[in-house]
Amino acid sequence: MLEIQLNGEARQLSSELLADLIAELNLSQQAIAVAVNRQIIPRSQWEGYQLHGDDKVDVVRAIGGG
């Protein structure tokens, strides 16, 4: 098991891939931005991006409005 910080809370992962985390959160089809250790990870890199223990992952949903 791998432990990361997701939006400030500890979370155990069974997979090290960022895409698997996003799928687990049911956010694959949503307009979101993902940062790992304060670095934005483009959606095109999620499939191959490997997370490591103690990574700090922030997931932010885009909200429309005006």
Protein backbone atom coordinates (compact mmCIF):
# COMPACT_ATOMS: atom_id res chain seq x y z
CA MET A 1 0.00 0.00 0.00
CA LEU A 2 1.04 3.53 -0.75
CA GLU A 3 0.10 6.48 1.46
CA ILE A 4 -0.27 9.99 0.07
CA GLN A 5 -1.83 13.23 1.22
CA LEU A 6 -4.97 13.97 -0.84
CA ASN A 7 -6.25 17.51 -0.37
CA GLY A 8 -4.59 17.54 3.05
CA GLU A 9 -5.84 14.16 4.29
CA ALA A 10 -3.99 10.85 4.44
CA ARG A 11 -5.17 8.30 1.87
CA GLN A 12 -4.08 4.73 1.20
CA LEU A 13 -3.73 3.73 -2.47
CA SER A 14 -3.56 0.28 -4.00
CA SER A 15 -2.08 1.63 -7.25
CA GLU A 16 0.75 4.09 -7.80
CA LEU A 17 -0.72 5.58 -10.98
CA LEU A 18 -2.33 9.01 -10.85
CA ALA A 19 -4.95 7.94 -13.43
CA ASP A 20 -6.06 5.12 -11.12
CA LEU A 21 -6.51 7.57 -8.24
CA ILE A 22 -8.61 9.88 -10.43
CA ALA A 23 -10.74 6.92 -11.56
CA GLU A 24 -11.14 5.74 -7.95
CA LEU A 25 -12.44 9.20 -7.07
CA ASN A 26 -14.92 9.02 -10.00
CA LEU A 27 -13.47 12.21 -11.45
CA SER A 28 -12.19 10.94 -14.80
CA GLN A 29 -14.84 12.76 -16.81
CA GLN A 30 -14.88 15.95 -14.74
CA ALA A 31 -13.17 19.27 -15.34
CA ILE A 32 -10.44 19.09 -12.71
CA ALA A 33 -6.86 20.17 -12.19
CA VAL A 34 -4.36 17.96 -10.39
CA ALA A 35 -1.15 19.04 -8.67
CA VAL A 36 1.43 16.74 -7.12
CA ASN A 37 3.77 18.42 -4.68
CA ARG A 38 2.55 21.81 -5.99
CA GLN A 39 3.34 20.92 -9.63
CA ILE A 40 0.40 20.85 -12.06
CA ILE A 41 0.22 17.52 -13.89
CA PRO A 42 -1.36 17.86 -17.35
CA ARG A 43 -4.22 15.47 -18.07
CA SER A 44 -2.19 14.00 -20.93
CA GLN A 45 0.36 12.71 -18.38
CA TRP A 46 -2.05 11.15 -15.84
CA GLU A 47 -1.91 7.65 -17.36
CA GLY A 48 1.82 7.23 -16.86
CA TYR A 49 2.39 9.46 -13.83
CA GLN A 50 3.58 7.43 -10.87
CA LEU A 51 2.86 8.59 -7.33
CA HIS A 52 5.28 8.04 -4.45
CA GLY A 53 4.84 7.72 -0.70
CA ASP A 54 4.10 11.01 1.06
CA ASP A 55 3.28 12.85 -2.20
CA LYS A 56 0.92 15.74 -1.64
CA VAL A 57 -1.85 15.55 -4.23
CA ASP A 58 -4.34 18.35 -4.68
CA VAL A 59 -7.42 17.86 -6.84
CA VAL A 60 -9.45 20.94 -7.68
CA ARG A 61 -12.74 20.93 -9.57
CA ALA A 62 -13.44 23.71 -12.05
CA ILE A 63 -16.69 25.49 -11.25
CA GLY A 64 -18.36 27.66 -13.86
CA GLY A 65 -20.09 30.86 -13.05
CA GLY A 66 -19.76 34.52 -13.42
